[in-house]
Amino acid sequence: MAFSDRATGGLITTTLPLVLAGFLGYSKQQRGWLIGLPLLLMALCTGPAGAVCDRIGSLRVRVLAGLAYAAAFAFIPVAASSQWMLAVAMVCVGVSAGALFSSSLALAAETGGSTVALGSFRAAGDLGFFAGTMLSIALVAALGTDGEPTYADYSAVIVLFGAAHAACTAGVVLLARRRA
């Protein structure tokens, strides 16, 4: 879970700004607030999402937030041509990311091996951020023709990451059902 969540975060903070600047002409200020918005919302929503986890269950929150996150993430290329549409997508990414973090942390803690589970959670997240950064750049470069990626190439990679995140959410559900 943490790997998938942070891999998409790596794409947002490294690859997305390139798209916004290079293809859509967003200024540094516009890129900054659009990339910072989901980070701020994630920070603000993690605590309240934890309370929701306590009330309805961490797995339920993880699944709902994972599906919302994947959909909002995959919508980014469609929304990117309008600053306000992109802002709405990034709000959805940020709010659902807060719920992903709190629910994933709770699920990791519920495994029983708290120190090992939380350390593994952190390590998986850090590896995911690194992989998301590197993989998104490598995929875009591989898709580009004559060494020059197009907006469609970037869009395909963003949608692919959204689909991979949705698949991870499905995997979490399947594993949880096996354990039950």
C-alpha atoms as a PDB file:
ATOM      1  CA  MET A   1       0.000   0.000   0.000  1.00  0.00           C
ATOM      2  CA  ALA A   2       2.646   2.485   1.038  1.00  0.00           C
ATOM      3  CA  PHE A   3       4.745   1.721  -2.043  1.00  0.00           C
ATOM      4  CA  SER A   4       1.829   2.418  -4.386  1.00  0.00           C
ATOM      5  CA  ASP A   5       0.718   5.544  -2.537  1.00  0.00           C
ATOM      6  CA  ARG A   6       4.171   7.072  -2.486  1.00  0.00           C
ATOM      7  CA  ALA A   7       4.956   6.030  -6.093  1.00  0.00           C
ATOM      8  CA  THR A   8       2.108   8.230  -7.269  1.00  0.00           C
ATOM      9  CA  GLY A   9       3.407  10.962  -4.966  1.00  0.00           C
ATOM     10  CA  GLY A  10       6.780  10.716  -6.678  1.00  0.00           C
ATOM     11  CA  LEU A  11       5.118  11.251 -10.040  1.00  0.00           C
ATOM     12  CA  ILE A  12       3.133  14.240  -8.755  1.00  0.00           C
ATOM     13  CA  THR A  13       6.144  16.023  -7.323  1.00  0.00           C
ATOM     14  CA  THR A  14       8.618  15.353 -10.130  1.00  0.00           C
ATOM     15  CA  THR A  15       6.956  14.495 -13.429  1.00  0.00           C
ATOM     16  CA  LEU A  16       3.711  16.468 -13.217  1.00  0.00           C
ATOM     17  CA  PRO A  17       5.465  19.844 -12.864  1.00  0.00           C
ATOM     18  CA  LEU A  18       7.340  19.097 -16.104  1.00  0.00           C
ATOM     19  CA  VAL A  19       4.035  18.513 -17.891  1.00  0.00           C
ATOM     20  CA  LEU A  20       2.436  21.621 -16.454  1.00  0.00           C
ATOM     21  CA  ALA A  21       5.386  23.794 -17.450  1.00  0.00           C
ATOM     22  CA  GLY A  22       6.435  22.207 -20.731  1.00  0.00           C
ATOM     23  CA  PHE A  23       3.110  21.471 -22.373  1.00  0.00           C
ATOM     24  CA  LEU A  24       0.551  23.653 -20.647  1.00  0.00           C
ATOM     25  CA  GLY A  25       2.553  26.785 -19.861  1.00  0.00           C
ATOM     26  CA  TYR A  26       1.810  26.941 -16.142  1.00  0.00           C
ATOM     27  CA  SER A  27       3.972  29.455 -14.279  1.00  0.00           C
ATOM     28  CA  LYS A  28       6.187  28.522 -11.321  1.00  0.00           C
ATOM     29  CA  GLN A  29       3.613  29.997  -8.962  1.00  0.00           C
ATOM     30  CA  GLN A  30       0.748  28.045 -10.540  1.00  0.00           C
ATOM     31  CA  ARG A  31       2.738  24.813 -10.479  1.00  0.00           C
ATOM     32  CA  GLY A  32       3.756  25.404  -6.887  1.00  0.00           C
ATOM     33  CA  TRP A  33       0.282  25.836  -5.498  1.00  0.00           C
ATOM     34  CA  LEU A  34      -1.156  23.002  -7.609  1.00  0.00           C
ATOM     35  CA  ILE A  35       1.511  20.566  -6.413  1.00  0.00           C
ATOM     36  CA  GLY A  36       1.438  21.906  -2.834  1.00  0.00           C
ATOM     37  CA  LEU A  37      -2.351  21.781  -2.545  1.00  0.00           C
ATOM     38  CA  PRO A  38      -2.675  17.985  -2.227  1.00  0.00           C
ATOM     39  CA  LEU A  39       0.293  17.889   0.165  1.00  0.00           C
ATOM     40  CA  LEU A  40      -1.369  20.440   2.445  1.00  0.00           C
ATOM     41  CA  LEU A  41      -4.730  18.684   2.274  1.00  0.00           C
ATOM     42  CA  MET A  42      -3.142  15.335   3.007  1.00  0.00           C
ATOM     43  CA  ALA A  43      -1.582  16.799   6.148  1.00  0.00           C
ATOM     44  CA  LEU A  44      -4.841  18.424   7.236  1.00  0.00           C
ATOM     45  CA  CYS A  45      -7.051  15.412   6.482  1.00  0.00           C
ATOM     46  CA  THR A  46      -4.956  12.615   7.988  1.00  0.00           C
ATOM     47  CA  GLY A  47      -6.171  13.165  11.562  1.00  0.00           C
ATOM     48  CA  PRO A  48      -9.878  13.441  10.741  1.00  0.00           C
ATOM     49  CA  ALA A  49      -9.549  10.440   8.417  1.00  0.00           C
ATOM     50  CA  GLY A  50      -8.052   8.499  11.323  1.00  0.00           C
ATOM     51  CA  ALA A  51     -11.178   9.265  13.328  1.00  0.00           C
ATOM     52  CA  VAL A  52     -13.270   7.932  10.430  1.00  0.00           C
ATOM     53  CA  CYS A  53     -11.094   4.792  10.414  1.00  0.00           C
ATOM     54  CA  ASP A  54     -11.843   4.296  14.099  1.00  0.00           C
ATOM     55  CA  ARG A  55     -15.552   4.683  13.427  1.00  0.00           C
ATOM     56  CA  ILE A  56     -16.092   2.612  10.245  1.00  0.00           C
ATOM     57  CA  GLY A  57     -12.897   0.574   9.920  1.00  0.00           C
ATOM     58  CA  SER A  58      -9.494   1.127   8.374  1.00  0.00           C
ATOM     59  CA  LEU A  59      -9.990  -1.318   5.520  1.00  0.00           C
ATOM     60  CA  ARG A  60     -13.242   0.324   4.457  1.00  0.00           C
ATOM     61  CA  VAL A  61     -11.604   3.752   4.501  1.00  0.00           C
ATOM     62  CA  ARG A  62      -8.592   2.402   2.591  1.00  0.00           C
ATOM     63  CA  VAL A  63     -10.786   0.955  -0.156  1.00  0.00           C
ATOM     64  CA  LEU A  64     -12.993   4.037  -0.547  1.00  0.00           C
ATOM     65  CA  ALA A  65     -10.032   6.421  -0.412  1.00  0.00           C
ATOM     66  CA  GLY A  66      -7.999   4.212  -2.765  1.00  0.00           C
ATOM     67  CA  LEU A  67     -10.709   4.217  -5.398  1.00  0.00           C
ATOM     68  CA  ALA A  68     -11.267   7.973  -5.069  1.00  0.00           C
ATOM     69  CA  TYR A  69      -7.519   8.603  -5.220  1.00  0.00           C
ATOM     70  CA  ALA A  70      -6.986   6.409  -8.287  1.00  0.00           C
ATOM     71  CA  ALA A  71      -9.900   8.051 -10.114  1.00  0.00           C
ATOM     72  CA  ALA A  72      -8.764  11.581  -9.257  1.00  0.00           C
ATOM     73  CA  PHE A  73      -5.184  10.719 -10.167  1.00  0.00           C
ATOM     74  CA  ALA A  74      -6.165   9.268 -13.549  1.00  0.00           C
ATOM     75  CA  PHE A  75      -8.321  12.374 -14.177  1.00  0.00           C
ATOM     76  CA  ILE A  76      -5.309  14.710 -13.882  1.00  0.00           C
ATOM     77  CA  PRO A  77      -4.415  14.650 -17.625  1.00  0.00           C
ATOM     78  CA  VAL A  78      -8.009  15.474 -18.572  1.00  0.00           C
ATOM     79  CA  ALA A  79      -8.248  18.276 -16.012  1.00  0.00           C
ATOM     80  CA  ALA A  80      -4.787  19.729 -16.591  1.00  0.00           C
ATOM     81  CA  SER A  81      -5.775  22.091 -19.382  1.00  0.00           C
ATOM     82  CA  SER A  82      -7.957  24.077 -16.948  1.00  0.00           C
ATOM     83  CA  GLN A  83      -6.297  25.378 -13.802  1.00  0.00           C
ATOM     84  CA  TRP A  84      -9.544  25.194 -11.845  1.00  0.00           C
ATOM     85  CA  MET A  85     -10.394  21.679 -13.006  1.00  0.00           C
ATOM     86  CA  LEU A  86      -6.890  20.605 -12.111  1.00  0.00           C
ATOM     87  CA  ALA A  87      -7.266  22.258  -8.706  1.00  0.00           C
ATOM     88  CA  VAL A  88     -10.451  20.231  -8.106  1.00  0.00           C
ATOM     89  CA  ALA A  89      -8.632  17.027  -9.098  1.00  0.00           C
ATOM     90  CA  MET A  90      -5.734  17.918  -6.786  1.00  0.00           C
ATOM     91  CA  VAL A  91      -8.162  18.618  -3.915  1.00  0.00           C
ATOM     92  CA  CYS A  92      -9.618  15.138  -4.423  1.00  0.00           C
ATOM     93  CA  VAL A  93      -6.099  13.685  -4.543  1.00  0.00           C
ATOM     94  CA  GLY A  94      -5.131  15.473  -1.318  1.00  0.00           C
ATOM     95  CA  VAL A  95      -8.233  14.618   0.697  1.00  0.00           C
ATOM     96  CA  SER A  96      -8.170  10.977  -0.356  1.00  0.00           C
ATOM     97  CA  ALA A  97      -4.387  10.828   0.270  1.00  0.00           C
ATOM     98  CA  GLY A  98      -4.993  11.852   3.875  1.00  0.00           C
ATOM     99  CA  ALA A  99      -7.424   8.975   4.237  1.00  0.00           C
ATOM    100  CA  LEU A 100      -4.999   6.616   2.506  1.00  0.00           C
ATOM    101  CA  PHE A 101      -2.207   7.523   4.885  1.00  0.00           C
ATOM    102  CA  SER A 102      -4.201   7.158   8.084  1.00  0.00           C
ATOM    103  CA  SER A 103      -5.918   3.935   7.006  1.00  0.00           C
ATOM    104  CA  SER A 104      -2.704   2.355   5.713  1.00  0.00           C
ATOM    105  CA  LEU A 105      -0.844   3.268   8.870  1.00  0.00           C
ATOM    106  CA  ALA A 106      -3.658   1.773  10.959  1.00  0.00           C
ATOM    107  CA  LEU A 107      -3.691  -1.414   8.872  1.00  0.00           C
ATOM    108  CA  ALA A 108       0.085  -1.737   9.232  1.00  0.00           C
ATOM    109  CA  ALA A 109      -0.170  -1.244  12.997  1.00  0.00           C
ATOM    110  CA  GLU A 110      -2.983  -3.806  13.231  1.00  0.00           C
ATOM    111  CA  THR A 111      -0.682  -6.558  11.948  1.00  0.00           C
ATOM    112  CA  GLY A 112       0.677  -7.011  15.451  1.00  0.00           C
ATOM    113  CA  GLY A 113       4.400  -6.522  14.814  1.00  0.00           C
ATOM    114  CA  SER A 114       4.165  -2.799  15.424  1.00  0.00           C
ATOM    115  CA  THR A 115       7.813  -1.738  15.201  1.00  0.00           C
ATOM    116  CA  VAL A 116       8.601  -4.042  12.287  1.00  0.00           C
ATOM    117  CA  ALA A 117       5.315  -3.254  10.543  1.00  0.00           C
ATOM    118  CA  LEU A 118       5.747   0.499  10.878  1.00  0.00           C
ATOM    119  CA  GLY A 119       9.391   0.338   9.812  1.00  0.00           C
ATOM    120  CA  SER A 120       8.410  -1.748   6.800  1.00  0.00           C
ATOM    121  CA  PHE A 121       5.596   0.699   6.047  1.00  0.00           C
ATOM    122  CA  ARG A 122       8.107   3.550   6.007  1.00  0.00           C
ATOM    123  CA  ALA A 123      10.646   1.634   3.915  1.00  0.00           C
ATOM    124  CA  ALA A 124       8.027   0.595   1.364  1.00  0.00           C
ATOM    125  CA  GLY A 125       6.845   4.190   1.084  1.00  0.00           C
ATOM    126  CA  ASP A 126      10.345   5.540   0.557  1.00  0.00           C
ATOM    127  CA  LEU A 127      11.090   2.893  -2.059  1.00  0.00           C
ATOM    128  CA  GLY A 128       7.775   3.695  -3.723  1.00  0.00           C
ATOM    129  CA  PHE A 129       8.584   7.407  -3.920  1.00  0.00           C
ATOM    130  CA  PHE A 130      11.955   6.631  -5.479  1.00  0.00           C
ATOM    131  CA  ALA A 131      10.443   4.104  -7.895  1.00  0.00           C
ATOM    132  CA  GLY A 132       7.578   6.413  -8.848  1.00  0.00           C
ATOM    133  CA  THR A 133       9.981   9.216  -9.615  1.00  0.00           C
ATOM    134  CA  MET A 134      12.361   7.077 -11.643  1.00  0.00           C
ATOM    135  CA  LEU A 135       9.762   4.866 -13.306  1.00  0.00           C
ATOM    136  CA  SER A 136       7.583   7.764 -14.435  1.00  0.00           C
ATOM    137  CA  ILE A 137      10.556   9.472 -16.072  1.00  0.00           C
ATOM    138  CA  ALA A 138      11.784   6.218 -17.636  1.00  0.00           C
ATOM    139  CA  LEU A 139       8.326   5.325 -18.980  1.00  0.00           C
ATOM    140  CA  VAL A 140       7.805   8.757 -20.497  1.00  0.00           C
ATOM    141  CA  ALA A 141      11.224   8.583 -22.143  1.00  0.00           C
ATOM    142  CA  ALA A 142      10.516   5.086 -23.468  1.00  0.00           C
ATOM    143  CA  LEU A 143       7.162   6.137 -24.907  1.00  0.00           C
ATOM    144  CA  GLY A 144       8.511   9.272 -26.563  1.00  0.00           C
ATOM    145  CA  THR A 145       9.257   9.183 -30.265  1.00  0.00           C
ATOM    146  CA  ASP A 146      12.702  10.338 -31.342  1.00  0.00           C
ATOM    147  CA  GLY A 147      13.554  10.979 -27.687  1.00  0.00           C
ATOM    148  CA  GLU A 148      10.836  13.620 -27.322  1.00  0.00           C
ATOM    149  CA  PRO A 149       7.863  12.647 -25.173  1.00  0.00           C
ATOM    150  CA  THR A 150       4.497  14.147 -26.022  1.00  0.00           C
ATOM    151  CA  TYR A 151       1.638  15.240 -23.792  1.00  0.00           C
ATOM    152  CA  ALA A 152      -0.076  11.969 -24.715  1.00  0.00           C
ATOM    153  CA  ASP A 153       2.960  10.038 -23.424  1.00  0.00           C
ATOM    154  CA  TYR A 154       2.861  11.860 -20.105  1.00  0.00           C
ATOM    155  CA  SER A 155      -0.902  11.401 -19.906  1.00  0.00           C
ATOM    156  CA  ALA A 156      -0.578   7.678 -20.540  1.00  0.00           C
ATOM    157  CA  VAL A 157       1.950   7.335 -17.717  1.00  0.00           C
ATOM    158  CA  ILE A 158      -0.250   9.284 -15.287  1.00  0.00           C
ATOM    159  CA  VAL A 159      -3.278   7.134 -16.149  1.00  0.00           C
ATOM    160  CA  LEU A 160      -1.128   3.991 -15.877  1.00  0.00           C
ATOM    161  CA  PHE A 161      -0.053   5.008 -12.363  1.00  0.00           C
ATOM    162  CA  GLY A 162      -3.704   5.642 -11.455  1.00  0.00           C
ATOM    163  CA  ALA A 163      -4.653   2.193 -12.763  1.00  0.00           C
ATOM    164  CA  ALA A 164      -1.766   0.586 -10.867  1.00  0.00           C
ATOM    165  CA  HIS A 165      -2.958   2.289  -7.691  1.00  0.00           C
ATOM    166  CA  ALA A 166      -6.490   0.964  -8.256  1.00  0.00           C
ATOM    167  CA  ALA A 167      -5.030  -2.522  -8.783  1.00  0.00           C
ATOM    168  CA  CYS A 168      -3.136  -2.201  -5.500  1.00  0.00           C
ATOM    169  CA  THR A 169      -6.389  -1.285  -3.756  1.00  0.00           C
ATOM    170  CA  ALA A 170      -8.025  -4.376  -5.254  1.00  0.00           C
ATOM    171  CA  GLY A 171      -5.087  -6.438  -4.024  1.00  0.00           C
ATOM    172  CA  VAL A 172      -5.520  -5.085  -0.499  1.00  0.00           C
ATOM    173  CA  VAL A 173      -9.182  -6.136  -0.573  1.00  0.00           C
ATOM    174  CA  LEU A 174      -8.308  -9.625  -1.817  1.00  0.00           C
ATOM    175  CA  LEU A 175      -5.654 -10.093   0.855  1.00  0.00           C
ATOM    176  CA  ALA A 176      -8.018  -8.868   3.552  1.00  0.00           C
ATOM    177  CA  ARG A 177     -10.698 -11.307   2.430  1.00  0.00           C
ATOM    178  CA  ARG A 178      -8.213 -14.182   2.540  1.00  0.00           C
ATOM    179  CA  ARG A 179      -7.235 -13.273   6.087  1.00  0.00           C
ATOM    180  CA  ALA A 180     -10.870 -13.084   7.209  1.00  0.00           C
END
